[in-house]
Each structure stands twice: as C-alpha cells, then as structure tokens.
Amino acid sequence: MSDQAPLLKVIANARPDLQTDTEHVLHLPELCPMTQNPKPGSTLTLKYRAGANLLELFSLDAYIDAFVGHPVVRDMEFFVQTVAEDAANALAQEVTAVAEVRYNRLRQGQRIVVVALGK
C-alpha cells in the first residue's frame, strides 16, 4: 500500500446485482518535474467488474495528483503497479491497469499492463 492509498475512496454501487464493467480513463499529468514526463496524451486506464463498490472519481484524480514529484514516478512500471494494487485493495477485487505512456526525449512510448488481485 502506498502513502497515497488513503486518498483513494470508494462509493457504494447502487446496483450491485447488475454486471457492470467499469473503466476509468485518466489523462496523466506531468508526474516528474525534472524530465517533464509523461508527455501530454499519456493515459492510465483502470478496469474492473463493479461489485459492492466503485472508485470515487474526485478522489481518484486527487490520488493521481499526489504522485506529482513523488519518487515512485521515476519508474513508470512501478507507478502503474502501485496504482493497480491500491485500487484493487480499495475495491477488494481484481483491477487491471493499462498505461499508454509517451516520453520526452525518446522516440518510443510504453504500454504497461498490470493485474492486481486486491485484499
């Protein structure tokens, strides 16, 4: 669990009896002030089958913003793993995180996929 995990809130699912697949598509801010990475257009998608709870939208934005300038963002794989695990733990169920990351000063991007089970 990251230091930012307490920022991540859930809300009750009003219709847990209905199969609901949820995707949150987050446009990533510039997380590293030194490299100014990731570049605009980078996204992080969180996917899960809604159970008793859903991720709360405003807290999800605040949670991601809390990583700006944090050492974990020096390694985008670690950042995506951390977000996936925190979200899965908050929901107590499996979450898939898919990052499409573009970088400054590189002619490449990254697609990172992490599946976290939640506790």
N, C-alpha and C. Protein backbone atom coordinates (compact mmCIF):
# COMPACT_ATOMS: atom_id res chain seq x y z
N MET A 1 0.85 -1.17 0.00
CA MET A 1 0.00 0.00 0.00
C MET A 1 0.90 1.24 0.00
N SER A 2 0.56 2.18 -0.89
CA SER A 2 1.36 3.40 -0.98
C SER A 2 0.92 4.43 0.05
N ASP A 3 1.74 5.46 0.21
CA ASP A 3 1.39 6.58 1.09
C ASP A 3 0.13 7.29 0.60
N GLN A 4 -0.11 7.22 -0.71
CA GLN A 4 -1.25 7.90 -1.32
C GLN A 4 -2.55 7.09 -1.20
N ALA A 5 -2.47 5.81 -0.88
CA ALA A 5 -3.64 4.93 -0.85
C ALA A 5 -4.82 5.47 -0.06
N PRO A 6 -4.61 6.12 1.11
CA PRO A 6 -5.77 6.64 1.84
C PRO A 6 -6.58 7.70 1.08
N LEU A 7 -5.99 8.31 0.06
CA LEU A 7 -6.72 9.29 -0.75
C LEU A 7 -7.76 8.64 -1.64
N LEU A 8 -7.58 7.36 -1.93
CA LEU A 8 -8.45 6.64 -2.86
C LEU A 8 -9.71 6.17 -2.14
N LYS A 9 -10.83 6.73 -2.51
CA LYS A 9 -12.11 6.42 -1.85
C LYS A 9 -13.01 5.60 -2.78
N VAL A 10 -13.95 4.91 -2.19
CA VAL A 10 -14.95 4.17 -2.94
C VAL A 10 -16.34 4.67 -2.56
N ILE A 11 -17.27 4.44 -3.46
CA ILE A 11 -18.68 4.73 -3.18
C ILE A 11 -19.47 3.45 -3.39
N ALA A 12 -20.61 3.36 -2.74
CA ALA A 12 -21.45 2.17 -2.87
C ALA A 12 -22.01 2.07 -4.29
N ASN A 13 -22.02 0.87 -4.81
CA ASN A 13 -22.63 0.59 -6.11
C ASN A 13 -24.12 0.46 -5.89
N ALA A 14 -24.90 1.33 -6.49
CA ALA A 14 -26.36 1.34 -6.31
C ALA A 14 -27.01 0.09 -6.88
N ARG A 15 -26.37 -0.57 -7.86
CA ARG A 15 -26.95 -1.77 -8.48
C ARG A 15 -25.94 -2.90 -8.56
N PRO A 16 -25.50 -3.41 -7.41
CA PRO A 16 -24.50 -4.49 -7.45
C PRO A 16 -25.03 -5.78 -8.08
N ASP A 17 -26.35 -5.87 -8.24
CA ASP A 17 -26.96 -7.05 -8.84
C ASP A 17 -26.77 -7.10 -10.36
N LEU A 18 -26.40 -5.97 -10.97
CA LEU A 18 -26.18 -5.92 -12.41
C LEU A 18 -24.69 -6.05 -12.71
N GLN A 19 -24.36 -6.87 -13.70
CA GLN A 19 -22.96 -7.00 -14.11
C GLN A 19 -22.55 -5.68 -14.76
N THR A 20 -21.60 -4.99 -14.14
CA THR A 20 -21.15 -3.68 -14.62
C THR A 20 -19.64 -3.67 -14.73
N ASP A 21 -19.15 -3.56 -15.97
CA ASP A 21 -17.72 -3.44 -16.19
C ASP A 21 -17.39 -1.95 -16.28
N THR A 22 -16.44 -1.52 -15.46
CA THR A 22 -16.12 -0.10 -15.33
C THR A 22 -14.69 0.16 -15.80
N GLU A 23 -14.52 1.26 -16.52
CA GLU A 23 -13.19 1.71 -16.93
C GLU A 23 -13.06 3.19 -16.61
N HIS A 24 -12.01 3.54 -15.92
CA HIS A 24 -11.67 4.94 -15.65
C HIS A 24 -10.47 5.26 -16.54
N VAL A 25 -10.61 6.23 -17.43
CA VAL A 25 -9.51 6.64 -18.30
C VAL A 25 -8.97 7.96 -17.77
N LEU A 26 -7.77 7.90 -17.21
CA LEU A 26 -7.15 9.07 -16.59
C LEU A 26 -6.10 9.64 -17.53
N HIS A 27 -6.18 10.92 -17.80
CA HIS A 27 -5.16 11.61 -18.57
C HIS A 27 -4.08 12.01 -17.57
N LEU A 28 -2.91 11.42 -17.72
CA LEU A 28 -1.86 11.59 -16.72
C LEU A 28 -1.26 13.00 -16.77
N PRO A 29 -1.07 13.59 -15.60
CA PRO A 29 -0.36 14.87 -15.54
C PRO A 29 1.14 14.63 -15.69
N GLU A 30 1.88 15.69 -15.81
CA GLU A 30 3.34 15.61 -15.80
C GLU A 30 3.73 15.20 -14.38
N LEU A 31 4.20 13.99 -14.21
CA LEU A 31 4.48 13.45 -12.89
C LEU A 31 5.90 13.75 -12.41
N CYS A 32 6.84 13.87 -13.34
CA CYS A 32 8.24 14.13 -12.99
C CYS A 32 8.63 15.54 -13.42
N PRO A 33 8.85 16.45 -12.47
CA PRO A 33 9.22 17.82 -12.82
C PRO A 33 10.58 17.93 -13.53
N MET A 34 11.48 16.98 -13.27
CA MET A 34 12.82 17.01 -13.89
C MET A 34 12.74 16.71 -15.39
N THR A 35 12.10 15.61 -15.76
CA THR A 35 12.05 15.18 -17.16
C THR A 35 10.80 15.67 -17.88
N GLN A 36 9.85 16.17 -17.12
CA GLN A 36 8.54 16.59 -17.64
C GLN A 36 7.80 15.42 -18.31
N ASN A 37 8.00 14.25 -17.72
CA ASN A 37 7.31 13.05 -18.20
C ASN A 37 6.22 12.65 -17.22
N PRO A 38 5.22 11.97 -17.69
CA PRO A 38 4.98 11.60 -19.07
C PRO A 38 4.48 12.80 -19.90
N LYS A 39 4.59 12.65 -21.21
CA LYS A 39 4.14 13.70 -22.12
C LYS A 39 2.62 13.78 -22.13
N PRO A 40 2.08 14.93 -22.49
CA PRO A 40 0.63 15.04 -22.67
C PRO A 40 0.14 13.97 -23.66
N GLY A 41 -1.02 13.45 -23.40
CA GLY A 41 -1.59 12.37 -24.21
C GLY A 41 -1.40 11.01 -23.58
N SER A 42 -0.60 10.94 -22.51
CA SER A 42 -0.41 9.68 -21.80
C SER A 42 -1.64 9.40 -20.94
N THR A 43 -2.05 8.14 -20.91
CA THR A 43 -3.25 7.77 -20.15
C THR A 43 -2.99 6.56 -19.27
N LEU A 44 -3.84 6.43 -18.27
CA LEU A 44 -3.86 5.26 -17.40
C LEU A 44 -5.32 4.84 -17.29
N THR A 45 -5.62 3.62 -17.69
CA THR A 45 -6.99 3.10 -17.63
C THR A 45 -7.07 2.04 -16.54
N LEU A 46 -8.03 2.20 -15.65
CA LEU A 46 -8.29 1.21 -14.61
C LEU A 46 -9.58 0.49 -14.98
N LYS A 47 -9.52 -0.84 -15.04
CA LYS A 47 -10.67 -1.66 -15.44
C LYS A 47 -11.00 -2.63 -14.32
N TYR A 48 -12.30 -2.75 -14.05
CA TYR A 48 -12.73 -3.72 -13.06
C TYR A 48 -14.22 -4.01 -13.24
N ARG A 49 -14.65 -5.16 -12.73
CA ARG A 49 -16.07 -5.50 -12.70
C ARG A 49 -16.60 -5.00 -11.37
N ALA A 50 -17.54 -4.08 -11.43
CA ALA A 50 -18.07 -3.46 -10.22
C ALA A 50 -18.73 -4.51 -9.33
N GLY A 51 -18.38 -4.46 -8.06
CA GLY A 51 -19.01 -5.31 -7.06
C GLY A 51 -19.83 -4.42 -6.15
N ALA A 52 -19.57 -4.50 -4.86
CA ALA A 52 -20.31 -3.69 -3.89
C ALA A 52 -19.94 -2.21 -3.99
N ASN A 53 -18.73 -1.92 -4.51
CA ASN A 53 -18.24 -0.54 -4.54
C ASN A 53 -17.69 -0.15 -5.90
N LEU A 54 -17.57 1.16 -6.08
CA LEU A 54 -16.97 1.77 -7.27
C LEU A 54 -15.91 2.76 -6.79
N LEU A 55 -14.89 3.00 -7.62
CA LEU A 55 -13.93 4.04 -7.28
C LEU A 55 -14.60 5.40 -7.41
N GLU A 56 -14.36 6.27 -6.44
CA GLU A 56 -14.94 7.61 -6.44
C GLU A 56 -14.08 8.51 -7.34
N LEU A 57 -14.72 9.18 -8.30
CA LEU A 57 -14.00 9.91 -9.35
C LEU A 57 -13.10 11.02 -8.83
N PHE A 58 -13.59 11.87 -7.96
CA PHE A 58 -12.80 13.00 -7.49
C PHE A 58 -11.60 12.55 -6.66
N SER A 59 -11.79 11.52 -5.85
CA SER A 59 -10.65 11.03 -5.06
C SER A 59 -9.62 10.36 -5.97
N LEU A 60 -10.06 9.75 -7.06
CA LEU A 60 -9.13 9.13 -8.00
C LEU A 60 -8.23 10.19 -8.64
N ASP A 61 -8.80 11.33 -9.01
CA ASP A 61 -7.98 12.44 -9.53
C ASP A 61 -6.99 12.94 -8.48
N ALA A 62 -7.46 13.15 -7.25
CA ALA A 62 -6.59 13.63 -6.17
C ALA A 62 -5.48 12.63 -5.88
N TYR A 63 -5.82 11.35 -5.93
CA TYR A 63 -4.85 10.28 -5.70
C TYR A 63 -3.73 10.34 -6.74
N ILE A 64 -4.08 10.44 -8.02
CA ILE A 64 -3.07 10.50 -9.09
C ILE A 64 -2.24 11.77 -8.94
N ASP A 65 -2.88 12.90 -8.65
CA ASP A 65 -2.15 14.17 -8.48
C ASP A 65 -1.14 14.10 -7.33
N ALA A 66 -1.40 13.26 -6.34
CA ALA A 66 -0.49 13.14 -5.20
C ALA A 66 0.86 12.51 -5.59
N PHE A 67 0.93 11.92 -6.77
CA PHE A 67 2.18 11.32 -7.24
C PHE A 67 3.08 12.33 -7.96
N VAL A 68 2.61 13.53 -8.23
CA VAL A 68 3.44 14.53 -8.91
C VAL A 68 4.68 14.80 -8.07
N GLY A 69 5.84 14.58 -8.65
CA GLY A 69 7.10 14.81 -7.96
C GLY A 69 7.50 13.71 -6.98
N HIS A 70 6.71 12.67 -6.84
CA HIS A 70 6.99 11.57 -5.91
C HIS A 70 8.05 10.64 -6.53
N PRO A 71 8.95 10.07 -5.74
CA PRO A 71 10.00 9.20 -6.28
C PRO A 71 9.48 7.98 -7.06
N VAL A 72 8.27 7.51 -6.76
CA VAL A 72 7.75 6.31 -7.43
C VAL A 72 7.60 6.53 -8.94
N VAL A 73 7.46 7.77 -9.38
CA VAL A 73 7.23 8.02 -10.81
C VAL A 73 8.50 7.95 -11.64
N ARG A 74 9.66 7.79 -11.01
CA ARG A 74 10.90 7.61 -11.78
C ARG A 74 10.87 6.30 -12.54
N ASP A 75 10.03 5.39 -12.15
CA ASP A 75 9.88 4.08 -12.78
C ASP A 75 8.39 3.91 -13.10
N MET A 76 8.01 4.12 -14.36
CA MET A 76 6.59 4.09 -14.71
C MET A 76 5.95 2.72 -14.46
N GLU A 77 6.74 1.65 -14.60
CA GLU A 77 6.18 0.32 -14.30
C GLU A 77 5.78 0.25 -12.82
N PHE A 78 6.65 0.75 -11.95
CA PHE A 78 6.37 0.74 -10.52
C PHE A 78 5.16 1.62 -10.21
N PHE A 79 5.05 2.77 -10.85
CA PHE A 79 3.90 3.65 -10.67
C PHE A 79 2.60 2.92 -11.03
N VAL A 80 2.58 2.26 -12.19
CA VAL A 80 1.36 1.57 -12.64
C VAL A 80 1.05 0.39 -11.71
N GLN A 81 2.08 -0.33 -11.28
CA GLN A 81 1.87 -1.42 -10.33
C GLN A 81 1.27 -0.91 -9.02
N THR A 82 1.79 0.21 -8.55
CA THR A 82 1.31 0.80 -7.29
C THR A 82 -0.15 1.22 -7.41
N VAL A 83 -0.50 1.89 -8.50
CA VAL A 83 -1.88 2.34 -8.70
C VAL A 83 -2.81 1.14 -8.80
N ALA A 84 -2.42 0.12 -9.56
CA ALA A 84 -3.25 -1.08 -9.70
C ALA A 84 -3.50 -1.74 -8.35
N GLU A 85 -2.43 -1.89 -7.57
CA GLU A 85 -2.56 -2.54 -6.26
C GLU A 85 -3.42 -1.72 -5.30
N ASP A 86 -3.20 -0.41 -5.25
CA ASP A 86 -4.00 0.44 -4.36
C ASP A 86 -5.48 0.40 -4.74
N ALA A 87 -5.77 0.45 -6.04
CA ALA A 87 -7.17 0.40 -6.49
C ALA A 87 -7.80 -0.95 -6.17
N ALA A 88 -7.07 -2.03 -6.42
CA ALA A 88 -7.59 -3.37 -6.13
C ALA A 88 -7.84 -3.55 -4.64
N ASN A 89 -6.95 -3.02 -3.81
CA ASN A 89 -7.16 -3.11 -2.36
C ASN A 89 -8.34 -2.27 -1.91
N ALA A 90 -8.50 -1.09 -2.48
CA ALA A 90 -9.64 -0.23 -2.12
C ALA A 90 -10.96 -0.89 -2.46
N LEU A 91 -11.00 -1.59 -3.60
CA LEU A 91 -12.23 -2.24 -4.06
C LEU A 91 -12.37 -3.67 -3.52
N ALA A 92 -11.28 -4.23 -3.01
CA ALA A 92 -11.24 -5.63 -2.57
C ALA A 92 -11.61 -6.57 -3.71
N GLN A 93 -11.05 -6.28 -4.88
CA GLN A 93 -11.28 -7.14 -6.04
C GLN A 93 -10.24 -6.86 -7.12
N GLU A 94 -10.23 -7.67 -8.15
CA GLU A 94 -9.25 -7.56 -9.22
C GLU A 94 -9.42 -6.27 -10.02
N VAL A 95 -8.29 -5.63 -10.30
CA VAL A 95 -8.24 -4.42 -11.13
C VAL A 95 -7.12 -4.59 -12.14
N THR A 96 -7.40 -4.24 -13.38
CA THR A 96 -6.37 -4.21 -14.42
C THR A 96 -6.06 -2.75 -14.72
N ALA A 97 -4.79 -2.41 -14.69
CA ALA A 97 -4.33 -1.06 -15.03
C ALA A 97 -3.56 -1.14 -16.34
N VAL A 98 -3.93 -0.28 -17.28
CA VAL A 98 -3.26 -0.22 -18.59
C VAL A 98 -2.79 1.21 -18.80
N ALA A 99 -1.47 1.38 -18.89
CA ALA A 99 -0.90 2.71 -19.12
C ALA A 99 -0.39 2.79 -20.55
N GLU A 100 -0.72 3.88 -21.22
CA GLU A 100 -0.17 4.21 -22.53
C GLU A 100 0.66 5.46 -22.29
N VAL A 101 1.98 5.30 -22.24
CA VAL A 101 2.86 6.37 -21.80
C VAL A 101 3.73 6.87 -22.96
N ARG A 102 3.75 8.18 -23.12
CA ARG A 102 4.61 8.85 -24.09
C ARG A 102 5.66 9.62 -23.32
N TYR A 103 6.89 9.67 -23.87
CA TYR A 103 8.01 10.27 -23.15
C TYR A 103 8.65 11.41 -23.94
N ASN A 104 9.16 12.38 -23.21
CA ASN A 104 10.00 13.42 -23.80
C ASN A 104 11.39 12.83 -24.05
N ARG A 105 12.05 13.33 -25.07
CA ARG A 105 13.43 12.96 -25.41
C ARG A 105 13.60 11.49 -25.77
N LEU A 106 12.53 10.79 -26.04
CA LEU A 106 12.61 9.40 -26.51
C LEU A 106 11.71 9.24 -27.73
N ARG A 107 12.11 8.37 -28.65
CA ARG A 107 11.30 8.10 -29.82
C ARG A 107 10.44 6.86 -29.59
N GLN A 108 10.06 6.65 -28.37
CA GLN A 108 9.27 5.47 -28.05
C GLN A 108 8.27 5.80 -26.94
N GLY A 109 7.33 4.93 -26.82
CA GLY A 109 6.38 5.01 -25.72
C GLY A 109 6.35 3.64 -25.05
N GLN A 110 5.47 3.51 -24.09
CA GLN A 110 5.32 2.24 -23.38
C GLN A 110 3.86 1.94 -23.18
N ARG A 111 3.53 0.67 -23.27
CA ARG A 111 2.22 0.18 -22.86
C ARG A 111 2.49 -0.78 -21.71
N ILE A 112 1.96 -0.45 -20.55
CA ILE A 112 2.20 -1.25 -19.35
C ILE A 112 0.86 -1.79 -18.87
N VAL A 113 0.77 -3.10 -18.68
CA VAL A 113 -0.45 -3.74 -18.21
C VAL A 113 -0.14 -4.47 -16.91
N VAL A 114 -0.92 -4.16 -15.87
CA VAL A 114 -0.74 -4.78 -14.55
C VAL A 114 -2.10 -5.28 -14.06
N VAL A 115 -2.12 -6.50 -13.57
CA VAL A 115 -3.34 -7.06 -12.96
C VAL A 115 -3.04 -7.25 -11.48
N ALA A 116 -3.85 -6.60 -10.64
CA ALA A 116 -3.71 -6.72 -9.18
C ALA A 116 -4.98 -7.34 -8.63
N LEU A 117 -4.83 -8.23 -7.67
CA LEU A 117 -5.96 -9.00 -7.16
C LEU A 117 -6.73 -8.34 -6.04
N GLY A 118 -6.09 -7.53 -5.24
CA GLY A 118 -6.79 -6.88 -4.12
C GLY A 118 -6.90 -7.80 -2.92
N LYS A 119 -6.94 -7.13 -1.76
CA LYS A 119 -7.00 -7.88 -0.50
C LYS A 119 -8.26 -7.55 0.24
